[in-house]
Amino acid sequence: MTLDKIDIAILSTLQRDGRMSNAALAEAIGLSQSACSRRLDGLEKSGAIRGYHAQISNEALGHAMTAIVHISLTGQFERTLSDFEAAVKRCPNILSCHLVSGEYDYVLRIAARDLQDYERIHKQWLSAMPHVTRINSSFALREVVDRTALGLRPDMGEGRP
């Protein structure tokens, strides 16, 4: 997908306020409401906009601990990866999961209430996941940055990085 300057402006504006009305977005970008609506529809259909959501504090939900977990599997065969990824999707405490290169196969970010809750997650979920051979857990002491918005520049459109 190729994004132009108007698309970048729409995305940048929505990253700051995803609840903005089409009228307000059109005004902010300098488009008519109908043109803005067509652009927005195109960005949604192309997958450039994956959804709209509220960013909720884990601490507000009682999950004050974040664990970073490195997982090694028995191999990286297609079936091994798909079995593991299906199990990951069922665990409600896993916030993100990335297949990575290097010493481990996956890196997970997990929300837990406390150490005892993490122990429960480890026993009931992580250790029970298929094809897992090694689990290495680290605990976040403090969150420094957790971006939900990419710093978009007007010159990023038209295929430029």
N, C-alpha and C. Protein backbone atom coordinates (compact mmCIF):
# COMPACT_ATOMS: atom_id res chain seq x y z
N MET A 1 0.85 -1.18 0.00
CA MET A 1 0.00 0.00 0.00
C MET A 1 0.89 1.23 0.00
N THR A 2 0.50 2.20 -0.77
CA THR A 2 1.24 3.45 -0.86
C THR A 2 0.42 4.55 -0.20
N LEU A 3 1.03 5.22 0.75
CA LEU A 3 0.37 6.31 1.46
C LEU A 3 0.87 7.64 0.95
N ASP A 4 -0.04 8.58 0.71
CA ASP A 4 0.39 9.92 0.32
C ASP A 4 0.34 10.84 1.54
N LYS A 5 0.65 12.11 1.33
CA LYS A 5 0.71 13.07 2.45
C LYS A 5 -0.63 13.22 3.17
N ILE A 6 -1.72 13.15 2.43
CA ILE A 6 -3.04 13.27 3.06
C ILE A 6 -3.31 12.06 3.94
N ASP A 7 -2.99 10.85 3.44
CA ASP A 7 -3.16 9.64 4.24
C ASP A 7 -2.33 9.73 5.53
N ILE A 8 -1.10 10.17 5.41
CA ILE A 8 -0.22 10.31 6.58
C ILE A 8 -0.82 11.31 7.57
N ALA A 9 -1.36 12.41 7.06
CA ALA A 9 -1.98 13.41 7.94
C ALA A 9 -3.19 12.83 8.67
N ILE A 10 -4.00 12.05 7.96
CA ILE A 10 -5.16 11.41 8.59
C ILE A 10 -4.70 10.45 9.68
N LEU A 11 -3.74 9.60 9.36
CA LEU A 11 -3.24 8.62 10.34
C LEU A 11 -2.62 9.31 11.55
N SER A 12 -1.84 10.32 11.32
CA SER A 12 -1.19 11.05 12.40
C SER A 12 -2.23 11.69 13.33
N THR A 13 -3.25 12.29 12.73
CA THR A 13 -4.30 12.95 13.51
C THR A 13 -5.09 11.92 14.32
N LEU A 14 -5.43 10.80 13.70
CA LEU A 14 -6.20 9.77 14.40
C LEU A 14 -5.39 9.09 15.52
N GLN A 15 -4.07 9.02 15.35
CA GLN A 15 -3.26 8.45 16.43
C GLN A 15 -3.36 9.30 17.70
N ARG A 16 -3.51 10.60 17.53
CA ARG A 16 -3.64 11.48 18.69
C ARG A 16 -5.04 11.43 19.28
N ASP A 17 -6.06 11.23 18.42
CA ASP A 17 -7.45 11.19 18.90
C ASP A 17 -8.28 10.31 17.98
N GLY A 18 -8.36 9.03 18.32
CA GLY A 18 -9.11 8.07 17.52
C GLY A 18 -10.61 8.23 17.62
N ARG A 19 -11.08 9.03 18.56
CA ARG A 19 -12.52 9.26 18.73
C ARG A 19 -13.00 10.50 17.97
N MET A 20 -12.12 11.14 17.25
CA MET A 20 -12.45 12.35 16.53
C MET A 20 -13.54 12.07 15.49
N SER A 21 -14.50 12.96 15.39
CA SER A 21 -15.57 12.81 14.39
C SER A 21 -15.00 13.03 13.00
N ASN A 22 -15.71 12.53 12.00
CA ASN A 22 -15.27 12.74 10.61
C ASN A 22 -15.23 14.23 10.29
N ALA A 23 -16.20 14.99 10.80
CA ALA A 23 -16.24 16.44 10.53
C ALA A 23 -14.99 17.12 11.09
N ALA A 24 -14.62 16.78 12.34
CA ALA A 24 -13.44 17.38 12.95
C ALA A 24 -12.17 16.94 12.24
N LEU A 25 -12.11 15.66 11.85
CA LEU A 25 -10.94 15.15 11.13
C LEU A 25 -10.80 15.85 9.78
N ALA A 26 -11.90 15.99 9.06
CA ALA A 26 -11.88 16.66 7.76
C ALA A 26 -11.38 18.09 7.91
N GLU A 27 -11.85 18.78 8.93
CA GLU A 27 -11.41 20.16 9.16
C GLU A 27 -9.92 20.21 9.49
N ALA A 28 -9.47 19.29 10.34
CA ALA A 28 -8.05 19.28 10.74
C ALA A 28 -7.13 19.00 9.55
N ILE A 29 -7.58 18.17 8.62
CA ILE A 29 -6.76 17.78 7.47
C ILE A 29 -6.91 18.77 6.31
N GLY A 30 -8.04 19.47 6.28
CA GLY A 30 -8.29 20.40 5.18
C GLY A 30 -8.98 19.75 3.99
N LEU A 31 -9.85 18.77 4.29
CA LEU A 31 -10.62 18.09 3.25
C LEU A 31 -12.10 18.31 3.48
N SER A 32 -12.91 18.04 2.46
CA SER A 32 -14.36 18.02 2.65
C SER A 32 -14.68 16.77 3.46
N GLN A 33 -15.83 16.77 4.10
CA GLN A 33 -16.21 15.61 4.91
C GLN A 33 -16.35 14.36 4.05
N SER A 34 -16.92 14.49 2.85
CA SER A 34 -17.10 13.31 1.99
C SER A 34 -15.74 12.78 1.51
N ALA A 35 -14.82 13.66 1.16
CA ALA A 35 -13.48 13.21 0.73
C ALA A 35 -12.74 12.56 1.89
N CYS A 36 -12.89 13.12 3.07
CA CYS A 36 -12.25 12.56 4.26
C CYS A 36 -12.82 11.17 4.55
N SER A 37 -14.12 11.05 4.46
CA SER A 37 -14.79 9.77 4.71
C SER A 37 -14.31 8.70 3.72
N ARG A 38 -14.18 9.07 2.44
CA ARG A 38 -13.70 8.12 1.43
C ARG A 38 -12.26 7.70 1.74
N ARG A 39 -11.42 8.66 2.10
CA ARG A 39 -10.03 8.34 2.44
C ARG A 39 -9.96 7.41 3.64
N LEU A 40 -10.74 7.72 4.66
CA LEU A 40 -10.77 6.91 5.88
C LEU A 40 -11.22 5.49 5.57
N ASP A 41 -12.25 5.36 4.76
CA ASP A 41 -12.75 4.04 4.36
C ASP A 41 -11.66 3.26 3.63
N GLY A 42 -10.94 3.93 2.75
CA GLY A 42 -9.85 3.28 2.02
C GLY A 42 -8.72 2.83 2.94
N LEU A 43 -8.38 3.66 3.93
CA LEU A 43 -7.33 3.30 4.90
C LEU A 43 -7.75 2.12 5.75
N GLU A 44 -9.03 2.05 6.09
CA GLU A 44 -9.53 0.91 6.87
C GLU A 44 -9.52 -0.37 6.03
N LYS A 45 -10.02 -0.28 4.80
CA LYS A 45 -10.09 -1.46 3.93
C LYS A 45 -8.71 -1.98 3.55
N SER A 46 -7.73 -1.09 3.42
CA SER A 46 -6.37 -1.51 3.04
C SER A 46 -5.61 -2.12 4.21
N GLY A 47 -6.11 -1.93 5.43
CA GLY A 47 -5.42 -2.45 6.60
C GLY A 47 -4.47 -1.46 7.24
N ALA A 48 -4.36 -0.26 6.67
CA ALA A 48 -3.50 0.76 7.28
C ALA A 48 -4.05 1.13 8.66
N ILE A 49 -5.37 1.15 8.79
CA ILE A 49 -6.02 1.33 10.10
C ILE A 49 -6.57 -0.04 10.49
N ARG A 50 -6.02 -0.60 11.56
CA ARG A 50 -6.40 -1.95 11.99
C ARG A 50 -7.55 -1.94 12.98
N GLY A 51 -7.90 -0.79 13.53
CA GLY A 51 -9.01 -0.73 14.47
C GLY A 51 -8.91 0.50 15.34
N TYR A 52 -9.91 0.67 16.16
CA TYR A 52 -9.99 1.79 17.09
C TYR A 52 -10.24 1.19 18.47
N HIS A 53 -9.51 1.67 19.47
CA HIS A 53 -9.69 1.11 20.81
C HIS A 53 -9.23 2.09 21.88
N ALA A 54 -9.64 1.80 23.10
CA ALA A 54 -9.19 2.58 24.25
C ALA A 54 -7.93 1.91 24.81
N GLN A 55 -6.96 2.69 25.19
CA GLN A 55 -5.77 2.16 25.84
C GLN A 55 -6.01 2.19 27.34
N ILE A 56 -6.18 1.02 27.92
CA ILE A 56 -6.55 0.90 29.33
C ILE A 56 -5.31 0.55 30.15
N SER A 57 -5.18 1.17 31.29
CA SER A 57 -4.06 0.92 32.19
C SER A 57 -4.16 -0.47 32.80
N ASN A 58 -3.10 -1.27 32.67
CA ASN A 58 -3.08 -2.58 33.32
C ASN A 58 -3.19 -2.44 34.83
N GLU A 59 -2.55 -1.41 35.38
CA GLU A 59 -2.61 -1.19 36.82
C GLU A 59 -4.03 -0.91 37.29
N ALA A 60 -4.80 -0.17 36.48
CA ALA A 60 -6.19 0.12 36.85
C ALA A 60 -7.01 -1.17 36.93
N LEU A 61 -6.60 -2.19 36.19
CA LEU A 61 -7.29 -3.48 36.21
C LEU A 61 -6.69 -4.44 37.23
N GLY A 62 -5.74 -3.93 38.04
CA GLY A 62 -5.15 -4.76 39.08
C GLY A 62 -3.94 -5.57 38.63
N HIS A 63 -3.42 -5.31 37.47
CA HIS A 63 -2.25 -6.03 36.96
C HIS A 63 -1.05 -5.09 36.97
N ALA A 64 -0.41 -4.98 38.13
CA ALA A 64 0.68 -4.03 38.33
C ALA A 64 2.03 -4.57 37.84
N MET A 65 2.11 -5.87 37.55
CA MET A 65 3.39 -6.47 37.16
C MET A 65 3.41 -6.79 35.67
N THR A 66 4.53 -6.49 35.04
CA THR A 66 4.75 -6.87 33.65
C THR A 66 5.93 -7.81 33.58
N ALA A 67 5.72 -8.95 32.97
CA ALA A 67 6.80 -9.92 32.77
C ALA A 67 7.16 -9.96 31.29
N ILE A 68 8.45 -10.02 31.03
CA ILE A 68 8.95 -10.22 29.67
C ILE A 68 9.46 -11.65 29.65
N VAL A 69 8.89 -12.47 28.79
CA VAL A 69 9.18 -13.91 28.80
C VAL A 69 9.73 -14.33 27.45
N HIS A 70 10.88 -15.01 27.49
CA HIS A 70 11.50 -15.56 26.30
C HIS A 70 11.20 -17.06 26.28
N ILE A 71 10.76 -17.55 25.14
CA ILE A 71 10.34 -18.94 25.00
C ILE A 71 11.16 -19.62 23.90
N SER A 72 11.64 -20.82 24.20
CA SER A 72 12.27 -21.67 23.18
C SER A 72 11.36 -22.86 22.93
N LEU A 73 11.25 -23.24 21.66
CA LEU A 73 10.43 -24.38 21.26
C LEU A 73 11.32 -25.52 20.79
N THR A 74 10.71 -26.67 20.57
CA THR A 74 11.46 -27.85 20.12
C THR A 74 12.00 -27.67 18.71
N GLY A 75 11.44 -26.76 17.95
CA GLY A 75 11.89 -26.48 16.59
C GLY A 75 11.01 -25.40 16.00
N GLN A 76 11.33 -25.02 14.77
CA GLN A 76 10.53 -23.99 14.12
C GLN A 76 9.80 -24.54 12.90
N PHE A 77 9.27 -25.74 13.06
CA PHE A 77 8.45 -26.33 12.01
C PHE A 77 7.11 -25.61 11.98
N GLU A 78 6.48 -25.59 10.83
CA GLU A 78 5.22 -24.85 10.68
C GLU A 78 4.18 -25.30 11.71
N ARG A 79 4.05 -26.59 11.92
CA ARG A 79 3.05 -27.11 12.87
C ARG A 79 3.41 -26.71 14.31
N THR A 80 4.69 -26.75 14.63
CA THR A 80 5.15 -26.37 15.98
C THR A 80 4.79 -24.92 16.26
N LEU A 81 5.09 -24.04 15.32
CA LEU A 81 4.80 -22.62 15.49
C LEU A 81 3.30 -22.37 15.57
N SER A 82 2.52 -22.99 14.70
CA SER A 82 1.07 -22.73 14.71
C SER A 82 0.42 -23.27 15.97
N ASP A 83 0.87 -24.43 16.47
CA ASP A 83 0.33 -24.96 17.73
C ASP A 83 0.61 -24.00 18.89
N PHE A 84 1.86 -23.53 18.96
CA PHE A 84 2.24 -22.61 20.04
C PHE A 84 1.46 -21.31 19.94
N GLU A 85 1.38 -20.74 18.75
CA GLU A 85 0.69 -19.46 18.56
C GLU A 85 -0.79 -19.57 18.88
N ALA A 86 -1.41 -20.69 18.58
CA ALA A 86 -2.83 -20.89 18.93
C ALA A 86 -3.00 -20.90 20.44
N ALA A 87 -2.07 -21.53 21.16
CA ALA A 87 -2.14 -21.56 22.62
C ALA A 87 -1.93 -20.17 23.21
N VAL A 88 -1.01 -19.41 22.64
CA VAL A 88 -0.75 -18.04 23.10
C VAL A 88 -2.02 -17.19 23.00
N LYS A 89 -2.73 -17.33 21.90
CA LYS A 89 -3.94 -16.53 21.68
C LYS A 89 -5.04 -16.83 22.70
N ARG A 90 -4.99 -17.98 23.33
CA ARG A 90 -6.00 -18.34 24.34
C ARG A 90 -5.68 -17.80 25.74
N CYS A 91 -4.44 -17.40 25.98
CA CYS A 91 -4.04 -16.92 27.31
C CYS A 91 -4.37 -15.44 27.45
N PRO A 92 -5.31 -15.09 28.34
CA PRO A 92 -5.75 -13.70 28.45
C PRO A 92 -4.70 -12.74 29.03
N ASN A 93 -3.68 -13.25 29.69
CA ASN A 93 -2.68 -12.38 30.30
C ASN A 93 -1.55 -11.99 29.34
N ILE A 94 -1.48 -12.63 28.19
CA ILE A 94 -0.43 -12.30 27.23
C ILE A 94 -0.86 -11.07 26.45
N LEU A 95 -0.10 -9.99 26.60
CA LEU A 95 -0.40 -8.72 25.94
C LEU A 95 0.15 -8.66 24.53
N SER A 96 1.33 -9.25 24.33
CA SER A 96 1.92 -9.28 22.99
C SER A 96 2.81 -10.51 22.88
N CYS A 97 2.96 -10.97 21.66
CA CYS A 97 3.79 -12.13 21.37
C CYS A 97 4.48 -11.88 20.04
N HIS A 98 5.79 -12.08 20.00
CA HIS A 98 6.56 -11.86 18.78
C HIS A 98 7.44 -13.06 18.49
N LEU A 99 7.37 -13.57 17.27
CA LEU A 99 8.33 -14.55 16.79
C LEU A 99 9.60 -13.77 16.51
N VAL A 100 10.73 -14.21 17.07
CA VAL A 100 11.97 -13.45 16.96
C VAL A 100 13.11 -14.32 16.45
N SER A 101 14.16 -13.66 16.00
CA SER A 101 15.38 -14.36 15.64
C SER A 101 16.29 -14.37 16.87
N GLY A 102 17.30 -15.19 16.84
CA GLY A 102 18.25 -15.21 17.94
C GLY A 102 18.12 -16.44 18.80
N GLU A 103 18.52 -16.31 20.05
CA GLU A 103 18.60 -17.44 20.97
C GLU A 103 17.23 -18.05 21.29
N TYR A 104 16.19 -17.24 21.36
CA TYR A 104 14.85 -17.71 21.68
C TYR A 104 13.97 -17.64 20.44
N ASP A 105 12.83 -18.30 20.52
CA ASP A 105 11.90 -18.31 19.39
C ASP A 105 10.83 -17.22 19.51
N TYR A 106 10.38 -16.96 20.73
CA TYR A 106 9.32 -15.97 20.96
C TYR A 106 9.65 -15.09 22.16
N VAL A 107 9.14 -13.87 22.11
CA VAL A 107 9.17 -12.96 23.25
C VAL A 107 7.73 -12.58 23.55
N LEU A 108 7.33 -12.75 24.81
CA LEU A 108 5.98 -12.42 25.25
C LEU A 108 6.03 -11.29 26.27
N ARG A 109 4.99 -10.48 26.28
CA ARG A 109 4.79 -9.48 27.34
C ARG A 109 3.52 -9.89 28.06
N ILE A 110 3.64 -10.08 29.36
CA ILE A 110 2.55 -10.64 30.16
C ILE A 110 2.20 -9.70 31.30
N ALA A 111 0.90 -9.52 31.53
CA ALA A 111 0.41 -8.73 32.67
C ALA A 111 0.00 -9.69 33.78
N ALA A 112 0.44 -9.38 35.00
CA ALA A 112 0.08 -10.20 36.17
C ALA A 112 -0.19 -9.27 37.35
N ARG A 113 -0.98 -9.75 38.29
CA ARG A 113 -1.28 -8.94 39.48
C ARG A 113 -0.04 -8.81 40.37
N ASP A 114 0.68 -9.93 40.55
CA ASP A 114 1.84 -9.98 41.43
C ASP A 114 2.61 -11.26 41.12
N LEU A 115 3.63 -11.57 41.93
CA LEU A 115 4.43 -12.78 41.69
C LEU A 115 3.62 -14.06 41.77
N GLN A 116 2.71 -14.11 42.72
CA GLN A 116 1.88 -15.30 42.85
C GLN A 116 1.00 -15.50 41.61
N ASP A 117 0.48 -14.41 41.09
CA ASP A 117 -0.33 -14.50 39.88
C ASP A 117 0.53 -14.93 38.70
N TYR A 118 1.75 -14.40 38.62
CA TYR A 118 2.63 -14.82 37.54
C TYR A 118 2.95 -16.32 37.66
N GLU A 119 3.15 -16.79 38.89
CA GLU A 119 3.40 -18.22 39.08
C GLU A 119 2.22 -19.05 38.55
N ARG A 120 1.00 -18.58 38.79
CA ARG A 120 -0.19 -19.26 38.28
C ARG A 120 -0.18 -19.28 36.75
N ILE A 121 0.12 -18.13 36.15
CA ILE A 121 0.17 -18.04 34.68
C ILE A 121 1.25 -18.97 34.14
N HIS A 122 2.39 -19.00 34.81
CA HIS A 122 3.50 -19.86 34.39
C HIS A 122 3.09 -21.32 34.44
N LYS A 123 2.47 -21.74 35.53
CA LYS A 123 2.08 -23.15 35.70
C LYS A 123 0.92 -23.54 34.78
N GLN A 124 -0.12 -22.72 34.77
CA GLN A 124 -1.34 -23.10 34.04
C GLN A 124 -1.26 -22.86 32.54
N TRP A 125 -0.50 -21.85 32.14
CA TRP A 125 -0.48 -21.49 30.73
C TRP A 125 0.86 -21.76 30.06
N LEU A 126 1.90 -21.07 30.52
CA LEU A 126 3.18 -21.13 29.81
C LEU A 126 3.77 -22.54 29.77
N SER A 127 3.83 -23.20 30.91
CA SER A 127 4.42 -24.54 30.98
C SER A 127 3.58 -25.57 30.24
N ALA A 128 2.30 -25.28 30.07
CA ALA A 128 1.39 -26.22 29.40
C ALA A 128 1.32 -26.00 27.89
N MET A 129 1.95 -24.96 27.39
CA MET A 129 1.89 -24.69 25.95
C MET A 129 2.68 -25.74 25.18
N PRO A 130 2.19 -26.10 24.00
CA PRO A 130 2.85 -27.17 23.24
C PRO A 130 4.24 -26.76 22.73
N HIS A 131 5.14 -27.75 22.77
CA HIS A 131 6.47 -27.65 22.17
C HIS A 131 7.44 -26.73 22.92
N VAL A 132 7.10 -26.26 24.12
CA VAL A 132 7.98 -25.37 24.88
C VAL A 132 9.08 -26.19 25.54
N THR A 133 10.33 -25.76 25.34
CA THR A 133 11.47 -26.43 25.98
C THR A 133 12.14 -25.56 27.03
N ARG A 134 12.00 -24.24 26.90
CA ARG A 134 12.66 -23.35 27.85
C ARG A 134 11.85 -22.07 28.00
N ILE A 135 11.75 -21.60 29.25
CA ILE A 135 11.05 -20.36 29.57
C ILE A 135 12.00 -19.51 30.40
N ASN A 136 12.26 -18.28 29.97
CA ASN A 136 13.13 -17.37 30.70
C ASN A 136 12.33 -16.10 30.98
N SER A 137 12.08 -15.82 32.26
CA SER A 137 11.23 -14.68 32.63
C SER A 137 12.05 -13.56 33.27
N SER A 138 11.71 -12.34 32.88
CA SER A 138 12.27 -11.14 33.50
C SER A 138 11.09 -10.26 33.89
N PHE A 139 11.28 -9.44 34.92
CA PHE A 139 10.18 -8.61 35.40
C PHE A 139 10.54 -7.14 35.24
N ALA A 140 9.62 -6.39 34.65
CA ALA A 140 9.84 -4.97 34.42
C ALA A 140 9.83 -4.24 35.75
N LEU A 141 10.84 -3.45 35.99
CA LEU A 141 10.91 -2.66 37.21
C LEU A 141 10.16 -1.34 37.05
N ARG A 142 10.21 -0.80 35.82
CA ARG A 142 9.54 0.48 35.55
C ARG A 142 9.34 0.58 34.05
N GLU A 143 8.19 1.09 33.64
CA GLU A 143 7.95 1.32 32.22
C GLU A 143 8.50 2.69 31.85
N VAL A 144 9.35 2.71 30.85
CA VAL A 144 9.96 3.95 30.41
C VAL A 144 9.16 4.55 29.25
N VAL A 145 8.77 3.71 28.30
CA VAL A 145 7.96 4.18 27.18
C VAL A 145 7.11 3.00 26.69
N ASP A 146 5.88 3.29 26.32
CA ASP A 146 4.98 2.29 25.73
C ASP A 146 4.17 3.03 24.68
N ARG A 147 4.72 3.13 23.50
CA ARG A 147 4.08 3.90 22.44
C ARG A 147 2.95 3.12 21.79
N THR A 148 1.89 3.81 21.54
CA THR A 148 0.82 3.25 20.73
C THR A 148 0.75 3.99 19.40
N ALA A 149 1.54 5.04 19.26
CA ALA A 149 1.52 5.85 18.05
C ALA A 149 2.92 5.95 17.46
N LEU A 150 3.01 5.75 16.18
CA LEU A 150 4.26 5.90 15.46
C LEU A 150 4.43 7.36 15.09
N GLY A 151 5.62 7.88 15.22
CA GLY A 151 5.87 9.27 14.85
C GLY A 151 5.85 9.42 13.34
N LEU A 152 4.71 9.84 12.80
CA LEU A 152 4.56 9.99 11.35
C LEU A 152 4.98 11.37 10.91
N ARG A 153 5.68 11.43 9.78
CA ARG A 153 6.10 12.70 9.19
C ARG A 153 5.40 12.85 7.85
N PRO A 154 5.10 14.06 7.45
CA PRO A 154 4.46 14.28 6.15
C PRO A 154 5.27 13.73 4.98
N ASP A 155 6.60 13.67 5.11
CA ASP A 155 7.43 13.18 4.01
C ASP A 155 7.52 11.66 3.96
N MET A 156 6.77 10.95 4.84
CA MET A 156 6.82 9.50 4.85
C MET A 156 5.95 8.89 3.75
N GLY A 157 5.05 9.64 3.18
CA GLY A 157 4.15 9.11 2.16
C GLY A 157 4.86 8.78 0.87
N GLU A 158 4.12 8.24 -0.06
CA GLU A 158 4.60 7.92 -1.41
C GLU A 158 5.80 6.99 -1.40
N GLY A 159 5.75 5.97 -0.50
CA GLY A 159 6.74 4.91 -0.50
C GLY A 159 8.06 5.22 0.15
N ARG A 160 8.23 6.40 0.76
CA ARG A 160 9.50 6.74 1.43
C ARG A 160 9.45 6.25 2.87
N PRO A 161 10.60 5.80 3.40
CA PRO A 161 10.66 5.34 4.80
C PRO A 161 10.51 6.47 5.80
